[in-house]
Amino acid sequence: MNRFLFAHLLFSAVTSALMSSLVCGVATFRMVGASAAFVHVWSGAWFFAWPVAFIVLVSIGPFVRKTVYRGCKCPMAVPSQEPHETR
Protein backbone atom coordinates (compact mmCIF):
# COMPACT_ATOMS: atom_id res chain seq x y z
CA MET A 1 0.00 0.00 0.00
CA ASN A 2 1.47 3.35 -0.95
CA ARG A 3 1.66 6.15 1.60
CA PHE A 4 -0.98 8.32 -0.12
CA LEU A 5 -3.59 5.57 0.04
CA PHE A 6 -2.61 4.88 3.66
CA ALA A 7 -2.91 8.59 4.49
CA HIS A 8 -6.36 8.76 2.86
CA LEU A 9 -7.58 5.68 4.75
CA LEU A 10 -6.17 6.92 8.07
CA PHE A 11 -7.65 10.41 7.58
CA SER A 12 -11.02 8.84 6.69
CA ALA A 13 -10.94 6.54 9.72
CA VAL A 14 -10.10 9.30 12.20
CA THR A 15 -12.47 11.87 10.70
CA SER A 16 -15.39 9.45 10.42
CA ALA A 17 -14.84 8.18 13.98
CA LEU A 18 -14.79 11.69 15.44
CA MET A 19 -17.70 13.07 13.43
CA SER A 20 -19.95 10.03 13.87
CA SER A 21 -19.27 9.92 17.62
CA LEU A 22 -20.06 13.63 17.94
CA VAL A 23 -23.23 13.49 15.85
CA CYS A 24 -24.44 10.32 17.58
CA GLY A 25 -23.68 11.91 20.94
CA VAL A 26 -25.69 15.03 20.17
CA ALA A 27 -28.61 13.06 18.75
CA THR A 28 -28.57 10.60 21.67
CA PHE A 29 -28.43 13.41 24.22
CA ARG A 30 -31.40 15.07 22.55
CA MET A 31 -33.29 11.77 22.57
CA VAL A 32 -32.55 10.39 26.07
CA GLY A 33 -30.90 13.29 27.91
CA ALA A 34 -28.28 12.80 30.59
CA SER A 35 -29.74 9.53 31.79
CA ALA A 36 -28.19 6.22 32.75
CA ALA A 37 -29.07 4.89 29.29
CA PHE A 38 -27.02 7.54 27.45
CA VAL A 39 -23.79 5.55 27.06
CA HIS A 40 -25.60 2.37 26.05
CA VAL A 41 -27.76 4.11 23.42
CA TRP A 42 -24.89 6.27 22.14
CA SER A 43 -22.46 3.34 21.79
CA GLY A 44 -25.04 1.29 19.89
CA ALA A 45 -25.73 4.18 17.51
CA TRP A 46 -22.04 4.92 17.02
CA PHE A 47 -21.19 1.25 16.42
CA PHE A 48 -23.62 1.30 13.50
CA ALA A 49 -22.84 4.81 12.21
CA TRP A 50 -19.04 4.71 12.15
CA PRO A 51 -18.61 2.06 9.42
CA VAL A 52 -21.19 3.84 7.27
CA ALA A 53 -19.41 7.19 7.70
CA PHE A 54 -16.04 5.56 6.97
CA ILE A 55 -17.22 3.93 3.74
CA VAL A 56 -18.86 7.15 2.55
CA LEU A 57 -15.77 9.22 3.34
CA VAL A 58 -13.39 6.77 1.67
CA SER A 59 -15.53 6.50 -1.45
CA ILE A 60 -16.63 10.09 -2.11
CA GLY A 61 -14.04 12.06 -0.12
CA PRO A 62 -11.67 12.59 -3.05
CA PHE A 63 -14.53 13.72 -5.32
CA VAL A 64 -15.79 16.20 -2.70
CA ARG A 65 -12.27 17.54 -2.12
CA LYS A 66 -11.71 18.10 -5.86
CA THR A 67 -15.11 19.76 -6.24
CA VAL A 68 -14.48 22.14 -3.34
CA TYR A 69 -11.03 23.07 -4.61
CA ARG A 70 -12.42 23.75 -8.08
CA GLY A 71 -15.24 25.85 -6.60
CA CYS A 72 -12.75 27.91 -4.60
CA LYS A 73 -10.41 28.13 -7.59
CA CYS A 74 -7.62 26.75 -5.40
CA PRO A 75 -4.75 24.62 -6.63
CA MET A 76 -5.02 21.01 -5.53
CA ALA A 77 -3.09 20.37 -2.33
CA VAL A 78 -1.36 17.15 -3.26
CA PRO A 79 1.82 16.21 -1.41
CA SER A 80 4.92 15.89 -3.51
CA GLN A 81 5.59 12.35 -4.67
CA GLU A 82 9.32 12.95 -4.99
CA PRO A 83 11.55 11.73 -2.15
CA HIS A 84 12.90 14.52 0.02
CA GLU A 85 16.60 15.17 0.00
CA THR A 86 18.41 14.86 3.32
CA ARG A 87 21.37 17.11 3.98
PDB file of N, CA and C in Angstrom:
ATOM      1  N   MET A   1       0.856  -1.172   0.000  1.00  0.00           N
ATOM      2  CA  MET A   1       0.000   0.000   0.000  1.00  0.00           C
ATOM      3  C   MET A   1       0.903   1.236   0.000  1.00  0.00           C
ATOM      4  N   ASN A   2       0.631   2.158  -0.928  1.00  0.00           N
ATOM      5  CA  ASN A   2       1.468   3.350  -0.946  1.00  0.00           C
ATOM      6  C   ASN A   2       1.039   4.315   0.164  1.00  0.00           C
ATOM      7  N   ARG A   3       1.897   5.262   0.454  1.00  0.00           N
ATOM      8  CA  ARG A   3       1.658   6.150   1.600  1.00  0.00           C
ATOM      9  C   ARG A   3       0.484   7.095   1.390  1.00  0.00           C
ATOM     10  N   PHE A   4       0.148   7.427   0.135  1.00  0.00           N
ATOM     11  CA  PHE A   4      -0.983   8.316  -0.121  1.00  0.00           C
ATOM     12  C   PHE A   4      -2.305   7.610   0.134  1.00  0.00           C
ATOM     13  N   LEU A   5      -2.393   6.355  -0.260  1.00  0.00           N
ATOM     14  CA  LEU A   5      -3.587   5.565   0.042  1.00  0.00           C
ATOM     15  C   LEU A   5      -3.712   5.355   1.544  1.00  0.00           C
ATOM     16  N   PHE A   6      -2.599   5.047   2.203  1.00  0.00           N
ATOM     17  CA  PHE A   6      -2.613   4.879   3.656  1.00  0.00           C
ATOM     18  C   PHE A   6      -3.058   6.163   4.347  1.00  0.00           C
ATOM     19  N   ALA A   7      -2.538   7.296   3.892  1.00  0.00           N
ATOM     20  CA  ALA A   7      -2.915   8.587   4.490  1.00  0.00           C
ATOM     21  C   ALA A   7      -4.399   8.860   4.295  1.00  0.00           C
ATOM     22  N   HIS A   8      -4.938   8.550   3.115  1.00  0.00           N
ATOM     23  CA  HIS A   8      -6.365   8.761   2.855  1.00  0.00           C
ATOM     24  C   HIS A   8      -7.211   7.863   3.758  1.00  0.00           C
ATOM     25  N   LEU A   9      -6.825   6.599   3.892  1.00  0.00           N
ATOM     26  CA  LEU A   9      -7.582   5.680   4.754  1.00  0.00           C
ATOM     27  C   LEU A   9      -7.497   6.081   6.220  1.00  0.00           C
ATOM     28  N   LEU A  10      -6.323   6.494   6.669  1.00  0.00           N
ATOM     29  CA  LEU A  10      -6.165   6.924   8.065  1.00  0.00           C
ATOM     30  C   LEU A  10      -6.956   8.196   8.337  1.00  0.00           C
ATOM     31  N   PHE A  11      -6.870   9.172   7.433  1.00  0.00           N
ATOM     32  CA  PHE A  11      -7.648  10.406   7.579  1.00  0.00           C
ATOM     33  C   PHE A  11      -9.141  10.086   7.621  1.00  0.00           C
ATOM     34  N   SER A  12      -9.601   9.216   6.734  1.00  0.00           N
ATOM     35  CA  SER A  12     -11.017   8.838   6.690  1.00  0.00           C
ATOM     36  C   SER A  12     -11.446   8.135   7.966  1.00  0.00           C
ATOM     37  N   ALA A  13     -10.603   7.266   8.497  1.00  0.00           N
ATOM     38  CA  ALA A  13     -10.935   6.539   9.723  1.00  0.00           C
ATOM     39  C   ALA A  13     -11.054   7.487  10.912  1.00  0.00           C
ATOM     40  N   VAL A  14     -10.083   8.374  11.064  1.00  0.00           N
ATOM     41  CA  VAL A  14     -10.098   9.297  12.200  1.00  0.00           C
ATOM     42  C   VAL A  14     -11.247  10.296  12.074  1.00  0.00           C
ATOM     43  N   THR A  15     -11.412  10.882  10.903  1.00  0.00           N
ATOM     44  CA  THR A  15     -12.466  11.872  10.699  1.00  0.00           C
ATOM     45  C   THR A  15     -13.847  11.255  10.877  1.00  0.00           C
ATOM     46  N   SER A  16     -14.072  10.088  10.299  1.00  0.00           N
ATOM     47  CA  SER A  16     -15.387   9.453  10.422  1.00  0.00           C
ATOM     48  C   SER A  16     -15.664   9.026  11.861  1.00  0.00           C
ATOM     49  N   ALA A  17     -14.642   8.572  12.581  1.00  0.00           N
ATOM     50  CA  ALA A  17     -14.835   8.181  13.978  1.00  0.00           C
ATOM     51  C   ALA A  17     -15.213   9.395  14.834  1.00  0.00           C
ATOM     52  N   LEU A  18     -14.495  10.489  14.647  1.00  0.00           N
ATOM     53  CA  LEU A  18     -14.786  11.695  15.436  1.00  0.00           C
ATOM     54  C   LEU A  18     -16.149  12.286  15.103  1.00  0.00           C
ATOM     55  N   MET A  19     -16.428  12.443  13.814  1.00  0.00           N
ATOM     56  CA  MET A  19     -17.699  13.067  13.429  1.00  0.00           C
ATOM     57  C   MET A  19     -18.898  12.196  13.785  1.00  0.00           C
ATOM     58  N   SER A  20     -18.806  10.891  13.549  1.00  0.00           N
ATOM     59  CA  SER A  20     -19.949  10.033  13.868  1.00  0.00           C
ATOM     60  C   SER A  20     -20.164   9.952  15.374  1.00  0.00           C
ATOM     61  N   SER A  21     -19.085   9.951  16.164  1.00  0.00           N
ATOM     62  CA  SER A  21     -19.274   9.921  17.619  1.00  0.00           C
ATOM     63  C   SER A  21     -19.895  11.222  18.113  1.00  0.00           C
ATOM     64  N   LEU A  22     -19.488  12.341  17.546  1.00  0.00           N
ATOM     65  CA  LEU A  22     -20.057  13.629  17.942  1.00  0.00           C
ATOM     66  C   LEU A  22     -21.530  13.733  17.547  1.00  0.00           C
ATOM     67  N   VAL A  23     -21.846  13.397  16.315  1.00  0.00           N
ATOM     68  CA  VAL A  23     -23.234  13.488  15.848  1.00  0.00           C
ATOM     69  C   VAL A  23     -24.130  12.505  16.609  1.00  0.00           C
ATOM     70  N   CYS A  24     -23.649  11.288  16.805  1.00  0.00           N
ATOM     71  CA  CYS A  24     -24.442  10.315  17.585  1.00  0.00           C
ATOM     72  C   CYS A  24     -24.620  10.782  19.026  1.00  0.00           C
ATOM     73  N   GLY A  25     -23.578  11.397  19.576  1.00  0.00           N
ATOM     74  CA  GLY A  25     -23.680  11.911  20.942  1.00  0.00           C
ATOM     75  C   GLY A  25     -24.713  13.014  21.071  1.00  0.00           C
ATOM     76  N   VAL A  26     -24.709  13.940  20.128  1.00  0.00           N
ATOM     77  CA  VAL A  26     -25.690  15.034  20.167  1.00  0.00           C
ATOM     78  C   VAL A  26     -27.102  14.496  19.970  1.00  0.00           C
ATOM     79  N   ALA A  27     -27.287  13.618  19.004  1.00  0.00           N
ATOM     80  CA  ALA A  27     -28.614  13.058  18.746  1.00  0.00           C
ATOM     81  C   ALA A  27     -29.089  12.204  19.917  1.00  0.00           C
ATOM     82  N   THR A  28     -28.195  11.434  20.514  1.00  0.00           N
ATOM     83  CA  THR A  28     -28.566  10.601  21.665  1.00  0.00           C
ATOM     84  C   THR A  28     -28.914  11.467  22.861  1.00  0.00           C
ATOM     85  N   PHE A  29     -28.133  12.519  23.105  1.00  0.00           N
ATOM     86  CA  PHE A  29     -28.427  13.411  24.224  1.00  0.00           C
ATOM     87  C   PHE A  29     -29.790  14.076  24.037  1.00  0.00           C
ATOM     88  N   ARG A  30     -30.090  14.464  22.818  1.00  0.00           N
ATOM     89  CA  ARG A  30     -31.401  15.070  22.548  1.00  0.00           C
ATOM     90  C   ARG A  30     -32.527  14.065  22.760  1.00  0.00           C
ATOM     91  N   MET A  31     -32.261  12.794  22.461  1.00  0.00           N
ATOM     92  CA  MET A  31     -33.286  11.768  22.572  1.00  0.00           C
ATOM     93  C   MET A  31     -33.487  11.285  24.014  1.00  0.00           C
ATOM     94  N   VAL A  32     -32.404  10.983  24.734  1.00  0.00           N
ATOM     95  CA  VAL A  32     -32.552  10.387  26.071  1.00  0.00           C
ATOM     96  C   VAL A  32     -32.073  11.284  27.195  1.00  0.00           C
ATOM     97  N   GLY A  33     -31.391  12.390  26.877  1.00  0.00           N
ATOM     98  CA  GLY A  33     -30.901  13.286  27.909  1.00  0.00           C
ATOM     99  C   GLY A  33     -29.721  12.675  28.654  1.00  0.00           C
ATOM    100  N   ALA A  34     -29.405  13.265  29.784  1.00  0.00           N
ATOM    101  CA  ALA A  34     -28.275  12.795  30.591  1.00  0.00           C
ATOM    102  C   ALA A  34     -28.744  11.703  31.540  1.00  0.00           C
ATOM    103  N   SER A  35     -29.221  10.633  30.975  1.00  0.00           N
ATOM    104  CA  SER A  35     -29.740   9.532  31.792  1.00  0.00           C
ATOM    105  C   SER A  35     -28.724   8.402  31.858  1.00  0.00           C
ATOM    106  N   ALA A  36     -29.055   7.384  32.625  1.00  0.00           N
ATOM    107  CA  ALA A  36     -28.185   6.217  32.748  1.00  0.00           C
ATOM    108  C   ALA A  36     -28.090   5.455  31.431  1.00  0.00           C
ATOM    109  N   ALA A  37     -29.049   5.617  30.564  1.00  0.00           N
ATOM    110  CA  ALA A  37     -29.072   4.895  29.294  1.00  0.00           C
ATOM    111  C   ALA A  37     -28.228   5.574  28.218  1.00  0.00           C
ATOM    112  N   PHE A  38     -27.708   6.773  28.483  1.00  0.00           N
ATOM    113  CA  PHE A  38     -27.018   7.543  27.454  1.00  0.00           C
ATOM    114  C   PHE A  38     -25.877   6.758  26.808  1.00  0.00           C
ATOM    115  N   VAL A  39     -24.963   6.234  27.608  1.00  0.00           N
ATOM    116  CA  VAL A  39     -23.787   5.554  27.058  1.00  0.00           C
ATOM    117  C   VAL A  39     -24.195   4.322  26.262  1.00  0.00           C
ATOM    118  N   HIS A  40     -25.155   3.574  26.754  1.00  0.00           N
ATOM    119  CA  HIS A  40     -25.600   2.368  26.053  1.00  0.00           C
ATOM    120  C   HIS A  40     -26.222   2.724  24.698  1.00  0.00           C
ATOM    121  N   VAL A  41     -27.093   3.708  24.674  1.00  0.00           N
ATOM    122  CA  VAL A  41     -27.760   4.106  23.423  1.00  0.00           C
ATOM    123  C   VAL A  41     -26.748   4.729  22.468  1.00  0.00           C
ATOM    124  N   TRP A  42     -25.885   5.615  22.989  1.00  0.00           N
ATOM    125  CA  TRP A  42     -24.888   6.270  22.144  1.00  0.00           C
ATOM    126  C   TRP A  42     -23.933   5.256  21.529  1.00  0.00           C
ATOM    127  N   SER A  43     -23.426   4.307  22.322  1.00  0.00           N
ATOM    128  CA  SER A  43     -22.462   3.344  21.787  1.00  0.00           C
ATOM    129  C   SER A  43     -23.095   2.452  20.717  1.00  0.00           C
ATOM    130  N   GLY A  44     -24.351   2.088  20.903  1.00  0.00           N
ATOM    131  CA  GLY A  44     -25.039   1.294  19.886  1.00  0.00           C
ATOM    132  C   GLY A  44     -25.213   2.064  18.590  1.00  0.00           C
ATOM    133  N   ALA A  45     -25.569   3.340  18.705  1.00  0.00           N
ATOM    134  CA  ALA A  45     -25.731   4.176  17.510  1.00  0.00           C
ATOM    135  C   ALA A  45     -24.386   4.400  16.825  1.00  0.00           C
ATOM    136  N   TRP A  46     -23.351   4.659  17.599  1.00  0.00           N
ATOM    137  CA  TRP A  46     -22.039   4.917  17.024  1.00  0.00           C
ATOM    138  C   TRP A  46     -21.470   3.665  16.365  1.00  0.00           C
ATOM    139  N   PHE A  47     -21.674   2.511  16.973  1.00  0.00           N
ATOM    140  CA  PHE A  47     -21.187   1.249  16.422  1.00  0.00           C
ATOM    141  C   PHE A  47     -21.771   0.998  15.033  1.00  0.00           C
ATOM    142  N   PHE A  48     -22.991   1.432  14.801  1.00  0.00           N
ATOM    143  CA  PHE A  48     -23.622   1.297  13.497  1.00  0.00           C
ATOM    144  C   PHE A  48     -23.199   2.425  12.546  1.00  0.00           C
ATOM    145  N   ALA A  49     -23.084   3.641  13.061  1.00  0.00           N
ATOM    146  CA  ALA A  49     -22.841   4.813  12.211  1.00  0.00           C
ATOM    147  C   ALA A  49     -21.396   4.921  11.732  1.00  0.00           C
ATOM    148  N   TRP A  50     -20.429   4.511  12.541  1.00  0.00           N
ATOM    149  CA  TRP A  50     -19.038   4.711  12.153  1.00  0.00           C
ATOM    150  C   TRP A  50     -18.657   3.988  10.864  1.00  0.00           C
ATOM    151  N   PRO A  51     -18.974   2.698  10.693  1.00  0.00           N
ATOM    152  CA  PRO A  51     -18.607   2.056   9.416  1.00  0.00           C
ATOM    153  C   PRO A  51     -19.273   2.708   8.202  1.00  0.00           C
ATOM    154  N   VAL A  52     -20.495   3.166   8.377  1.00  0.00           N
ATOM    155  CA  VAL A  52     -21.191   3.842   7.271  1.00  0.00           C
ATOM    156  C   VAL A  52     -20.460   5.133   6.921  1.00  0.00           C
ATOM    157  N   ALA A  53     -20.118   5.925   7.931  1.00  0.00           N
ATOM    158  CA  ALA A  53     -19.407   7.186   7.697  1.00  0.00           C
ATOM    159  C   ALA A  53     -18.042   6.930   7.067  1.00  0.00           C
ATOM    160  N   PHE A  54     -17.354   5.892   7.511  1.00  0.00           N
ATOM    161  CA  PHE A  54     -16.040   5.564   6.967  1.00  0.00           C
ATOM    162  C   PHE A  54     -16.127   5.201   5.486  1.00  0.00           C
ATOM    163  N   ILE A  55     -17.066   4.348   5.141  1.00  0.00           N
ATOM    164  CA  ILE A  55     -17.224   3.932   3.745  1.00  0.00           C
ATOM    165  C   ILE A  55     -17.586   5.116   2.855  1.00  0.00           C
ATOM    166  N   VAL A  56     -18.472   5.972   3.330  1.00  0.00           N
ATOM    167  CA  VAL A  56     -18.857   7.149   2.551  1.00  0.00           C
ATOM    168  C   VAL A  56     -17.664   8.074   2.363  1.00  0.00           C
ATOM    169  N   LEU A  57     -16.915   8.312   3.429  1.00  0.00           N
ATOM    170  CA  LEU A  57     -15.774   9.221   3.337  1.00  0.00           C
ATOM    171  C   LEU A  57     -14.669   8.665   2.442  1.00  0.00           C
ATOM    172  N   VAL A  58     -14.409   7.378   2.526  1.00  0.00           N
ATOM    173  CA  VAL A  58     -13.388   6.770   1.668  1.00  0.00           C
ATOM    174  C   VAL A  58     -13.811   6.842   0.207  1.00  0.00           C
ATOM    175  N   SER A  59     -15.087   6.586  -0.056  1.00  0.00           N
ATOM    176  CA  SER A  59     -15.527   6.497  -1.446  1.00  0.00           C
ATOM    177  C   SER A  59     -15.752   7.849  -2.114  1.00  0.00           C
ATOM    178  N   ILE A  60     -16.351   8.811  -1.434  1.00  0.00           N
ATOM    179  CA  ILE A  60     -16.629  10.088  -2.107  1.00  0.00           C
ATOM    180  C   ILE A  60     -15.769  11.244  -1.616  1.00  0.00           C
ATOM    181  N   GLY A  61     -14.917  10.999  -0.631  1.00  0.00           N
ATOM    182  CA  GLY A  61     -14.043  12.056  -0.117  1.00  0.00           C
ATOM    183  C   GLY A  61     -13.191  12.722  -1.174  1.00  0.00           C
ATOM    184  N   PRO A  62     -12.490  11.947  -2.018  1.00  0.00           N
ATOM    185  CA  PRO A  62     -11.667  12.588  -3.053  1.00  0.00           C
ATOM    186  C   PRO A  62     -12.486  13.428  -4.038  1.00  0.00           C
ATOM    187  N   PHE A  63     -13.660  12.960  -4.415  1.00  0.00           N
ATOM    188  CA  PHE A  63     -14.527  13.721  -5.320  1.00  0.00           C
ATOM    189  C   PHE A  63     -14.962  15.043  -4.673  1.00  0.00           C
ATOM    190  N   VAL A  64     -15.363  14.984  -3.406  1.00  0.00           N
ATOM    191  CA  VAL A  64     -15.794  16.203  -2.696  1.00  0.00           C
ATOM    192  C   VAL A  64     -14.632  17.183  -2.581  1.00  0.00           C
ATOM    193  N   ARG A  65     -13.440  16.676  -2.248  1.00  0.00           N
ATOM    194  CA  ARG A  65     -12.266  17.542  -2.120  1.00  0.00           C
ATOM    195  C   ARG A  65     -11.972  18.248  -3.439  1.00  0.00           C
ATOM    196  N   LYS A  66     -11.978  17.500  -4.548  1.00  0.00           N
ATOM    197  CA  LYS A  66     -11.712  18.103  -5.861  1.00  0.00           C
ATOM    198  C   LYS A  66     -12.767  19.134  -6.228  1.00  0.00           C
ATOM    199  N   THR A  67     -14.029  18.836  -5.931  1.00  0.00           N
ATOM    200  CA  THR A  67     -15.115  19.762  -6.243  1.00  0.00           C
ATOM    201  C   THR A  67     -14.978  21.058  -5.452  1.00  0.00           C
ATOM    202  N   VAL A  68     -14.653  20.948  -4.178  1.00  0.00           N
ATOM    203  CA  VAL A  68     -14.484  22.142  -3.342  1.00  0.00           C
ATOM    204  C   VAL A  68     -13.303  22.974  -3.821  1.00  0.00           C
ATOM    205  N   TYR A  69     -12.195  22.320  -4.131  1.00  0.00           N
ATOM    206  CA  TYR A  69     -11.027  23.067  -4.608  1.00  0.00           C
ATOM    207  C   TYR A  69     -11.309  23.762  -5.927  1.00  0.00           C
ATOM    208  N   ARG A  70     -12.049  23.095  -6.816  1.00  0.00           N
ATOM    209  CA  ARG A  70     -12.423  23.751  -8.077  1.00  0.00           C
ATOM    210  C   ARG A  70     -13.338  24.941  -7.811  1.00  0.00           C
ATOM    211  N   GLY A  71     -14.309  24.777  -6.918  1.00  0.00           N
ATOM    212  CA  GLY A  71     -15.243  25.846  -6.603  1.00  0.00           C
ATOM    213  C   GLY A  71     -14.558  27.056  -5.988  1.00  0.00           C
ATOM    214  N   CYS A  72     -13.513  26.817  -5.217  1.00  0.00           N
ATOM    215  CA  CYS A  72     -12.753  27.909  -4.596  1.00  0.00           C
ATOM    216  C   CYS A  72     -11.639  28.426  -5.493  1.00  0.00           C
ATOM    217  N   LYS A  73     -11.490  27.777  -6.664  1.00  0.00           N
ATOM    218  CA  LYS A  73     -10.412  28.127  -7.592  1.00  0.00           C
ATOM    219  C   LYS A  73      -9.048  28.053  -6.901  1.00  0.00           C
ATOM    220  N   CYS A  74      -8.875  26.992  -6.114  1.00  0.00           N
ATOM    221  CA  CYS A  74      -7.621  26.753  -5.403  1.00  0.00           C
ATOM    222  C   CYS A  74      -6.833  25.663  -6.129  1.00  0.00           C
ATOM    223  N   PRO A  75      -5.519  25.743  -6.084  1.00  0.00           N
ATOM    224  CA  PRO A  75      -4.748  24.624  -6.629  1.00  0.00           C
ATOM    225  C   PRO A  75      -4.936  23.406  -5.733  1.00  0.00           C
ATOM    226  N   MET A  76      -4.874  22.234  -6.316  1.00  0.00           N
ATOM    227  CA  MET A  76      -5.020  21.012  -5.529  1.00  0.00           C
ATOM    228  C   MET A  76      -3.834  20.881  -4.586  1.00  0.00           C
ATOM    229  N   ALA A  77      -4.133  20.563  -3.338  1.00  0.00           N
ATOM    230  CA  ALA A  77      -3.089  20.374  -2.334  1.00  0.00           C
ATOM    231  C   ALA A  77      -2.702  18.906  -2.298  1.00  0.00           C
ATOM    232  N   VAL A  78      -1.812  18.534  -3.179  1.00  0.00           N
ATOM    233  CA  VAL A  78      -1.357  17.152  -3.256  1.00  0.00           C
ATOM    234  C   VAL A  78       0.095  17.119  -2.818  1.00  0.00           C
ATOM    235  N   PRO A  79       0.421  16.273  -1.850  1.00  0.00           N
ATOM    236  CA  PRO A  79       1.818  16.209  -1.413  1.00  0.00           C
ATOM    237  C   PRO A  79       2.735  15.779  -2.549  1.00  0.00           C
ATOM    238  N   SER A  80       3.942  16.249  -2.504  1.00  0.00           N
ATOM    239  CA  SER A  80       4.924  15.887  -3.514  1.00  0.00           C
ATOM    240  C   SER A  80       5.199  14.391  -3.454  1.00  0.00           C
ATOM    241  N   GLN A  81       5.316  13.784  -4.624  1.00  0.00           N
ATOM    242  CA  GLN A  81       5.592  12.353  -4.666  1.00  0.00           C
ATOM    243  C   GLN A  81       7.094  12.071  -4.814  1.00  0.00           C
ATOM    244  N   GLU A  82       7.896  13.121  -4.865  1.00  0.00           N
ATOM    245  CA  GLU A  82       9.321  12.948  -4.988  1.00  0.00           C
ATOM    246  C   GLU A  82       9.925  12.774  -3.600  1.00  0.00           C
ATOM    247  N   PRO A  83      10.916  11.892  -3.462  1.00  0.00           N
ATOM    248  CA  PRO A  83      11.554  11.733  -2.149  1.00  0.00           C
ATOM    249  C   PRO A  83      12.286  13.011  -1.759  1.00  0.00           C
ATOM    250  N   HIS A  84      12.236  13.320  -0.479  1.00  0.00           N
ATOM    251  CA  HIS A  84      12.896  14.522   0.018  1.00  0.00           C
ATOM    252  C   HIS A  84      14.401  14.265   0.159  1.00  0.00           C
ATOM    253  N   GLU A  85      15.160  15.282  -0.144  1.00  0.00           N
ATOM    254  CA  GLU A  85      16.597  15.169   0.003  1.00  0.00           C
ATOM    255  C   GLU A  85      16.964  15.388   1.465  1.00  0.00           C
ATOM    256  N   THR A  86      17.912  14.644   1.949  1.00  0.00           N
ATOM    257  CA  THR A  86      18.412  14.860   3.316  1.00  0.00           C
ATOM    258  C   THR A  86      19.810  15.447   3.215  1.00  0.00           C
ATOM    259  N   ARG A  87      20.058  16.444   4.016  1.00  0.00           N
ATOM    260  CA  ARG A  87      21.366  17.111   3.979  1.00  0.00           C
ATOM    261  C   ARG A  87      22.067  16.935   5.287  1.00  0.00           C
TER     262      ARG A  87
END
